[in-house]
Amino acid sequence: MDARRPREVVSASETLTALEAFQRSLETGDLQGFMDVLAPDVVLLSDGGGFRQAALRPVIGADKVVRFMRGGTGKTTATITTEPSMVNGNPALVIRLDGEIDGVMAVRIENARIAGLYYVRNPEKLTRVDSETALTLR
């Protein structure tokens, strides 16, 4: 995203629609569904922390992101389930393989499409995923 360009305000319904479409595509392996919900210039960053496989460099472009996602999900025989969540104030999916947390994928939505994905698979950064922290005003 260009730092000089003002950040677009995305409605809650646009966010929910894009997140649900991405969730369905991830769970079913629907390649066209991925292409329909990803922005053409989407960027995926991943963090395995040296413990889990992750992309070493940003993956840029819808076709490359789909290949990356398909490469990972196509190799597993585990059942993939996802659960919508909020992580650090951003919409996200908690991704589980056979019921065990594999990672958290936060999304950035622009123009009703997913423009950014940040996939954290590093187990050291996932220790509190199943807990909820209450926020208070000071």
N, C-alpha and C. Protein backbone atom coordinates (compact mmCIF):
# COMPACT_ATOMS: atom_id res chain seq x y z
N MET A 1 0.83 -1.17 0.00
CA MET A 1 0.00 0.00 0.00
C MET A 1 0.88 1.24 0.00
N ASP A 2 0.52 2.20 -0.80
CA ASP A 2 1.26 3.45 -0.90
C ASP A 2 1.01 4.26 0.38
N ALA A 3 2.06 4.58 1.12
CA ALA A 3 1.94 5.30 2.38
C ALA A 3 1.36 6.70 2.20
N ARG A 4 1.47 7.25 0.99
CA ARG A 4 0.96 8.61 0.75
C ARG A 4 -0.53 8.61 0.47
N ARG A 5 -1.07 7.46 0.09
CA ARG A 5 -2.49 7.37 -0.23
C ARG A 5 -3.29 7.15 1.06
N PRO A 6 -4.39 7.90 1.25
CA PRO A 6 -5.18 7.69 2.47
C PRO A 6 -5.78 6.29 2.48
N ARG A 7 -5.85 5.71 3.66
CA ARG A 7 -6.38 4.36 3.81
C ARG A 7 -7.89 4.37 3.59
N GLU A 8 -8.37 3.45 2.78
CA GLU A 8 -9.77 3.34 2.45
C GLU A 8 -10.56 2.82 3.64
N VAL A 9 -11.74 3.37 3.87
CA VAL A 9 -12.63 2.88 4.90
C VAL A 9 -13.45 1.75 4.30
N VAL A 10 -13.38 0.59 4.93
CA VAL A 10 -14.09 -0.59 4.44
C VAL A 10 -15.22 -0.88 5.41
N SER A 11 -16.41 -1.11 4.88
CA SER A 11 -17.55 -1.37 5.74
C SER A 11 -17.43 -2.75 6.37
N ALA A 12 -18.13 -2.92 7.47
CA ALA A 12 -18.13 -4.21 8.17
C ALA A 12 -18.70 -5.30 7.27
N SER A 13 -19.72 -4.98 6.48
CA SER A 13 -20.32 -5.99 5.62
C SER A 13 -19.37 -6.40 4.49
N GLU A 14 -18.61 -5.45 3.93
CA GLU A 14 -17.61 -5.78 2.91
C GLU A 14 -16.53 -6.70 3.49
N THR A 15 -16.10 -6.37 4.70
CA THR A 15 -15.08 -7.17 5.37
C THR A 15 -15.59 -8.58 5.61
N LEU A 16 -16.80 -8.69 6.14
CA LEU A 16 -17.39 -9.99 6.43
C LEU A 16 -17.57 -10.82 5.16
N THR A 17 -18.06 -10.19 4.09
CA THR A 17 -18.27 -10.89 2.82
C THR A 17 -16.95 -11.43 2.27
N ALA A 18 -15.91 -10.60 2.27
CA ALA A 18 -14.61 -11.03 1.75
C ALA A 18 -14.01 -12.13 2.61
N LEU A 19 -14.10 -11.99 3.93
CA LEU A 19 -13.54 -12.98 4.83
C LEU A 19 -14.27 -14.32 4.69
N GLU A 20 -15.60 -14.29 4.58
CA GLU A 20 -16.37 -15.52 4.42
C GLU A 20 -16.04 -16.21 3.09
N ALA A 21 -15.89 -15.44 2.02
CA ALA A 21 -15.54 -16.02 0.72
C ALA A 21 -14.16 -16.67 0.77
N PHE A 22 -13.21 -16.00 1.42
CA PHE A 22 -11.87 -16.55 1.56
C PHE A 22 -11.91 -17.82 2.41
N GLN A 23 -12.68 -17.78 3.49
CA GLN A 23 -12.82 -18.94 4.38
C GLN A 23 -13.37 -20.14 3.62
N ARG A 24 -14.43 -19.96 2.83
CA ARG A 24 -15.00 -21.05 2.04
C ARG A 24 -13.97 -21.62 1.06
N SER A 25 -13.26 -20.73 0.40
CA SER A 25 -12.25 -21.16 -0.58
C SER A 25 -11.14 -21.96 0.08
N LEU A 26 -10.71 -21.52 1.24
CA LEU A 26 -9.65 -22.21 1.96
C LEU A 26 -10.10 -23.60 2.41
N GLU A 27 -11.31 -23.69 2.92
CA GLU A 27 -11.81 -24.98 3.42
C GLU A 27 -12.14 -25.96 2.30
N THR A 28 -12.55 -25.45 1.14
CA THR A 28 -12.96 -26.34 0.04
C THR A 28 -11.89 -26.51 -1.03
N GLY A 29 -10.87 -25.64 -1.03
CA GLY A 29 -9.84 -25.69 -2.06
C GLY A 29 -10.31 -25.13 -3.39
N ASP A 30 -11.33 -24.28 -3.36
CA ASP A 30 -11.92 -23.68 -4.56
C ASP A 30 -10.99 -22.60 -5.12
N LEU A 31 -10.24 -22.95 -6.17
CA LEU A 31 -9.26 -22.02 -6.74
C LEU A 31 -9.92 -20.78 -7.32
N GLN A 32 -11.05 -20.93 -8.00
CA GLN A 32 -11.73 -19.77 -8.57
C GLN A 32 -12.23 -18.85 -7.45
N GLY A 33 -12.68 -19.45 -6.35
CA GLY A 33 -13.11 -18.65 -5.20
C GLY A 33 -11.98 -17.80 -4.66
N PHE A 34 -10.76 -18.36 -4.61
CA PHE A 34 -9.60 -17.57 -4.19
C PHE A 34 -9.40 -16.39 -5.15
N MET A 35 -9.39 -16.68 -6.44
CA MET A 35 -9.14 -15.63 -7.44
C MET A 35 -10.19 -14.53 -7.37
N ASP A 36 -11.43 -14.90 -7.07
CA ASP A 36 -12.51 -13.91 -7.02
C ASP A 36 -12.40 -12.97 -5.82
N VAL A 37 -11.81 -13.43 -4.73
CA VAL A 37 -11.77 -12.62 -3.51
C VAL A 37 -10.43 -11.90 -3.32
N LEU A 38 -9.39 -12.35 -3.99
CA LEU A 38 -8.08 -11.70 -3.85
C LEU A 38 -7.91 -10.55 -4.82
N ALA A 39 -7.33 -9.46 -4.34
CA ALA A 39 -6.98 -8.35 -5.22
C ALA A 39 -5.86 -8.82 -6.15
N PRO A 40 -5.80 -8.32 -7.38
CA PRO A 40 -4.75 -8.76 -8.32
C PRO A 40 -3.34 -8.59 -7.77
N ASP A 41 -3.11 -7.55 -6.97
CA ASP A 41 -1.77 -7.29 -6.44
C ASP A 41 -1.64 -7.64 -4.95
N VAL A 42 -2.42 -8.61 -4.49
CA VAL A 42 -2.39 -9.04 -3.10
C VAL A 42 -0.96 -9.42 -2.70
N VAL A 43 -0.64 -9.19 -1.42
CA VAL A 43 0.67 -9.56 -0.88
C VAL A 43 0.45 -10.48 0.31
N LEU A 44 1.14 -11.61 0.32
CA LEU A 44 1.09 -12.55 1.43
C LEU A 44 2.44 -12.59 2.11
N LEU A 45 2.44 -12.39 3.42
CA LEU A 45 3.63 -12.54 4.25
C LEU A 45 3.36 -13.69 5.20
N SER A 46 4.37 -14.51 5.46
CA SER A 46 4.17 -15.61 6.39
C SER A 46 5.35 -15.70 7.35
N ASP A 47 5.05 -16.29 8.52
CA ASP A 47 6.04 -16.38 9.59
C ASP A 47 5.95 -17.76 10.22
N GLY A 48 6.94 -18.58 9.96
CA GLY A 48 7.01 -19.90 10.55
C GLY A 48 7.98 -19.97 11.71
N GLY A 49 8.77 -18.91 11.88
CA GLY A 49 9.70 -18.84 13.00
C GLY A 49 10.79 -19.90 13.01
N GLY A 50 11.00 -20.55 11.86
CA GLY A 50 11.98 -21.62 11.81
C GLY A 50 11.43 -22.95 12.31
N PHE A 51 10.17 -22.95 12.78
CA PHE A 51 9.54 -24.16 13.29
C PHE A 51 8.60 -24.79 12.26
N ARG A 52 7.97 -23.93 11.45
CA ARG A 52 7.01 -24.40 10.46
C ARG A 52 7.36 -23.76 9.11
N GLN A 53 6.98 -24.45 8.06
CA GLN A 53 7.27 -23.95 6.72
C GLN A 53 6.54 -22.64 6.46
N ALA A 54 7.23 -21.71 5.84
CA ALA A 54 6.67 -20.41 5.49
C ALA A 54 7.44 -19.86 4.29
N ALA A 55 6.83 -18.90 3.60
CA ALA A 55 7.50 -18.26 2.47
C ALA A 55 8.65 -17.41 3.01
N LEU A 56 9.79 -17.50 2.36
CA LEU A 56 10.95 -16.73 2.80
C LEU A 56 10.87 -15.27 2.37
N ARG A 57 10.10 -15.01 1.32
CA ARG A 57 9.92 -13.65 0.80
C ARG A 57 8.43 -13.39 0.63
N PRO A 58 8.03 -12.13 0.52
CA PRO A 58 6.62 -11.85 0.25
C PRO A 58 6.18 -12.52 -1.05
N VAL A 59 4.96 -13.03 -1.04
CA VAL A 59 4.36 -13.62 -2.23
C VAL A 59 3.42 -12.56 -2.79
N ILE A 60 3.67 -12.11 -4.02
CA ILE A 60 2.95 -10.98 -4.58
C ILE A 60 2.17 -11.40 -5.82
N GLY A 61 0.89 -11.04 -5.84
CA GLY A 61 0.02 -11.34 -6.99
C GLY A 61 -0.93 -12.48 -6.68
N ALA A 62 -2.18 -12.32 -7.12
CA ALA A 62 -3.21 -13.31 -6.82
C ALA A 62 -2.84 -14.71 -7.30
N ASP A 63 -2.31 -14.82 -8.51
CA ASP A 63 -1.99 -16.15 -9.04
C ASP A 63 -0.90 -16.84 -8.21
N LYS A 64 0.10 -16.08 -7.78
CA LYS A 64 1.17 -16.66 -6.97
C LYS A 64 0.69 -17.01 -5.56
N VAL A 65 -0.17 -16.17 -4.99
CA VAL A 65 -0.72 -16.45 -3.67
C VAL A 65 -1.57 -17.72 -3.72
N VAL A 66 -2.39 -17.85 -4.77
CA VAL A 66 -3.22 -19.05 -4.91
C VAL A 66 -2.34 -20.29 -5.04
N ARG A 67 -1.28 -20.21 -5.84
CA ARG A 67 -0.37 -21.36 -5.97
C ARG A 67 0.29 -21.69 -4.63
N PHE A 68 0.69 -20.66 -3.91
CA PHE A 68 1.30 -20.87 -2.59
C PHE A 68 0.32 -21.55 -1.65
N MET A 69 -0.91 -21.03 -1.59
CA MET A 69 -1.93 -21.60 -0.70
C MET A 69 -2.27 -23.03 -1.12
N ARG A 70 -2.44 -23.23 -2.41
CA ARG A 70 -2.79 -24.56 -2.92
C ARG A 70 -1.66 -25.55 -2.68
N GLY A 71 -0.42 -25.08 -2.80
CA GLY A 71 0.72 -25.94 -2.54
C GLY A 71 0.74 -26.44 -1.11
N GLY A 72 0.38 -25.57 -0.18
CA GLY A 72 0.36 -25.97 1.23
C GLY A 72 -0.82 -26.85 1.57
N THR A 73 -2.01 -26.46 1.12
CA THR A 73 -3.20 -27.23 1.46
C THR A 73 -3.30 -28.51 0.66
N GLY A 74 -2.73 -28.53 -0.54
CA GLY A 74 -2.80 -29.71 -1.38
C GLY A 74 -1.94 -30.86 -0.88
N LYS A 75 -0.94 -30.54 -0.06
CA LYS A 75 -0.02 -31.55 0.44
C LYS A 75 -0.52 -32.23 1.72
N THR A 76 -1.51 -31.66 2.36
CA THR A 76 -1.96 -32.20 3.63
C THR A 76 -3.16 -33.14 3.45
N THR A 77 -3.19 -34.15 4.27
CA THR A 77 -4.35 -35.04 4.29
C THR A 77 -5.26 -34.66 5.47
N ALA A 78 -4.83 -33.68 6.25
CA ALA A 78 -5.60 -33.23 7.42
C ALA A 78 -6.85 -32.48 6.97
N THR A 79 -7.84 -32.47 7.84
CA THR A 79 -9.04 -31.68 7.61
C THR A 79 -8.74 -30.24 8.01
N ILE A 80 -8.98 -29.32 7.07
CA ILE A 80 -8.74 -27.90 7.33
C ILE A 80 -10.04 -27.26 7.78
N THR A 81 -10.01 -26.62 8.94
CA THR A 81 -11.15 -25.84 9.40
C THR A 81 -10.66 -24.45 9.75
N THR A 82 -11.56 -23.50 9.62
CA THR A 82 -11.20 -22.11 9.92
C THR A 82 -12.27 -21.50 10.80
N GLU A 83 -11.85 -20.51 11.55
CA GLU A 83 -12.75 -19.83 12.47
C GLU A 83 -12.47 -18.33 12.40
N PRO A 84 -13.49 -17.53 12.06
CA PRO A 84 -13.26 -16.08 12.02
C PRO A 84 -12.88 -15.55 13.40
N SER A 85 -12.02 -14.56 13.40
CA SER A 85 -11.55 -13.98 14.65
C SER A 85 -11.11 -12.54 14.40
N MET A 86 -10.77 -11.86 15.45
CA MET A 86 -10.14 -10.55 15.38
C MET A 86 -8.78 -10.69 16.06
N VAL A 87 -7.74 -10.25 15.39
CA VAL A 87 -6.39 -10.32 15.94
C VAL A 87 -5.77 -8.94 15.82
N ASN A 88 -5.40 -8.39 16.96
CA ASN A 88 -4.83 -7.03 17.00
C ASN A 88 -5.73 -6.03 16.27
N GLY A 89 -7.03 -6.20 16.40
CA GLY A 89 -7.98 -5.28 15.80
C GLY A 89 -8.25 -5.52 14.32
N ASN A 90 -7.69 -6.57 13.76
CA ASN A 90 -7.86 -6.86 12.33
C ASN A 90 -8.64 -8.17 12.15
N PRO A 91 -9.43 -8.25 11.07
CA PRO A 91 -10.13 -9.51 10.80
C PRO A 91 -9.11 -10.59 10.47
N ALA A 92 -9.41 -11.80 10.93
CA ALA A 92 -8.47 -12.91 10.74
C ALA A 92 -9.22 -14.23 10.75
N LEU A 93 -8.51 -15.27 10.35
CA LEU A 93 -9.00 -16.63 10.44
C LEU A 93 -8.02 -17.44 11.27
N VAL A 94 -8.54 -18.18 12.24
CA VAL A 94 -7.73 -19.15 12.95
C VAL A 94 -7.84 -20.43 12.13
N ILE A 95 -6.71 -20.95 11.69
CA ILE A 95 -6.69 -22.11 10.81
C ILE A 95 -6.24 -23.33 11.61
N ARG A 96 -7.05 -24.39 11.52
CA ARG A 96 -6.75 -25.62 12.25
C ARG A 96 -6.61 -26.77 11.27
N LEU A 97 -5.68 -27.66 11.56
CA LEU A 97 -5.51 -28.91 10.82
C LEU A 97 -5.86 -30.03 11.78
N ASP A 98 -6.89 -30.79 11.44
CA ASP A 98 -7.40 -31.86 12.31
C ASP A 98 -7.61 -31.37 13.74
N GLY A 99 -8.14 -30.16 13.86
CA GLY A 99 -8.49 -29.59 15.17
C GLY A 99 -7.37 -28.88 15.90
N GLU A 100 -6.14 -29.00 15.43
CA GLU A 100 -5.00 -28.35 16.08
C GLU A 100 -4.68 -27.04 15.37
N ILE A 101 -4.38 -26.00 16.14
CA ILE A 101 -4.06 -24.71 15.53
C ILE A 101 -2.80 -24.83 14.66
N ASP A 102 -2.95 -24.45 13.39
CA ASP A 102 -1.81 -24.40 12.47
C ASP A 102 -1.29 -22.98 12.38
N GLY A 103 -2.21 -22.00 12.44
CA GLY A 103 -1.80 -20.62 12.34
C GLY A 103 -2.96 -19.67 12.36
N VAL A 104 -2.63 -18.40 12.27
CA VAL A 104 -3.62 -17.33 12.20
C VAL A 104 -3.30 -16.50 10.97
N MET A 105 -4.32 -16.27 10.15
CA MET A 105 -4.14 -15.47 8.95
C MET A 105 -4.96 -14.19 9.07
N ALA A 106 -4.27 -13.08 9.27
CA ALA A 106 -4.92 -11.78 9.32
C ALA A 106 -5.05 -11.27 7.89
N VAL A 107 -6.12 -10.50 7.64
CA VAL A 107 -6.36 -10.00 6.29
C VAL A 107 -6.52 -8.48 6.29
N ARG A 108 -6.17 -7.89 5.16
CA ARG A 108 -6.40 -6.47 4.92
C ARG A 108 -7.31 -6.39 3.70
N ILE A 109 -8.41 -5.71 3.82
CA ILE A 109 -9.40 -5.61 2.76
C ILE A 109 -9.36 -4.21 2.15
N GLU A 110 -9.35 -4.15 0.83
CA GLU A 110 -9.44 -2.89 0.09
C GLU A 110 -10.35 -3.12 -1.11
N ASN A 111 -11.27 -2.21 -1.35
CA ASN A 111 -12.19 -2.32 -2.49
C ASN A 111 -12.89 -3.68 -2.54
N ALA A 112 -13.34 -4.15 -1.38
CA ALA A 112 -14.10 -5.39 -1.22
C ALA A 112 -13.30 -6.64 -1.58
N ARG A 113 -11.98 -6.53 -1.68
CA ARG A 113 -11.12 -7.68 -1.97
C ARG A 113 -9.99 -7.73 -0.96
N ILE A 114 -9.44 -8.92 -0.81
CA ILE A 114 -8.32 -9.09 0.12
C ILE A 114 -7.04 -8.60 -0.57
N ALA A 115 -6.42 -7.58 0.03
CA ALA A 115 -5.22 -6.97 -0.54
C ALA A 115 -3.97 -7.39 0.21
N GLY A 116 -4.13 -7.90 1.42
CA GLY A 116 -2.98 -8.31 2.21
C GLY A 116 -3.32 -9.49 3.10
N LEU A 117 -2.39 -10.41 3.21
CA LEU A 117 -2.53 -11.58 4.08
C LEU A 117 -1.26 -11.70 4.91
N TYR A 118 -1.42 -11.94 6.20
CA TYR A 118 -0.28 -12.16 7.07
C TYR A 118 -0.53 -13.46 7.83
N TYR A 119 0.20 -14.51 7.48
CA TYR A 119 -0.03 -15.84 8.01
C TYR A 119 1.03 -16.18 9.05
N VAL A 120 0.64 -16.21 10.32
CA VAL A 120 1.56 -16.53 11.40
C VAL A 120 1.39 -18.01 11.73
N ARG A 121 2.45 -18.78 11.53
CA ARG A 121 2.46 -20.21 11.85
C ARG A 121 3.46 -20.51 12.98
N ASN A 122 4.23 -19.51 13.36
CA ASN A 122 5.24 -19.65 14.40
C ASN A 122 4.56 -20.01 15.72
N PRO A 123 4.77 -21.22 16.24
CA PRO A 123 4.08 -21.63 17.46
C PRO A 123 4.37 -20.74 18.67
N GLU A 124 5.54 -20.10 18.69
CA GLU A 124 5.86 -19.21 19.80
C GLU A 124 4.97 -17.97 19.81
N LYS A 125 4.42 -17.61 18.67
CA LYS A 125 3.55 -16.43 18.57
C LYS A 125 2.07 -16.79 18.65
N LEU A 126 1.77 -18.08 18.80
CA LEU A 126 0.38 -18.54 18.81
C LEU A 126 -0.08 -19.04 20.17
N THR A 127 0.71 -18.82 21.20
CA THR A 127 0.40 -19.38 22.51
C THR A 127 -0.89 -18.83 23.11
N ARG A 128 -1.33 -17.65 22.72
CA ARG A 128 -2.53 -17.05 23.31
C ARG A 128 -3.72 -16.99 22.36
N VAL A 129 -3.65 -17.71 21.27
CA VAL A 129 -4.72 -17.64 20.27
C VAL A 129 -6.06 -18.08 20.84
N ASP A 130 -6.07 -19.09 21.66
CA ASP A 130 -7.33 -19.59 22.21
C ASP A 130 -7.82 -18.77 23.40
N SER A 131 -7.07 -17.76 23.81
CA SER A 131 -7.51 -16.92 24.92
C SER A 131 -7.94 -15.56 24.40
N GLU A 132 -8.79 -14.92 25.14
CA GLU A 132 -9.28 -13.60 24.77
C GLU A 132 -8.85 -12.62 25.83
N THR A 133 -8.33 -11.50 25.41
CA THR A 133 -7.88 -10.48 26.35
C THR A 133 -8.86 -9.32 26.34
N ALA A 134 -9.38 -9.01 27.51
CA ALA A 134 -10.32 -7.89 27.62
C ALA A 134 -9.55 -6.58 27.55
N LEU A 135 -10.09 -5.63 26.83
CA LEU A 135 -9.47 -4.31 26.70
C LEU A 135 -10.19 -3.33 27.60
N THR A 136 -9.44 -2.47 28.24
CA THR A 136 -10.05 -1.45 29.09
C THR A 136 -9.48 -0.09 28.71
N LEU A 137 -10.28 0.92 28.90
CA LEU A 137 -9.83 2.28 28.66
C LEU A 137 -9.16 2.80 29.94
N ARG A 138 -8.12 3.55 29.76
CA ARG A 138 -7.43 4.10 30.94
C ARG A 138 -7.81 5.53 31.11
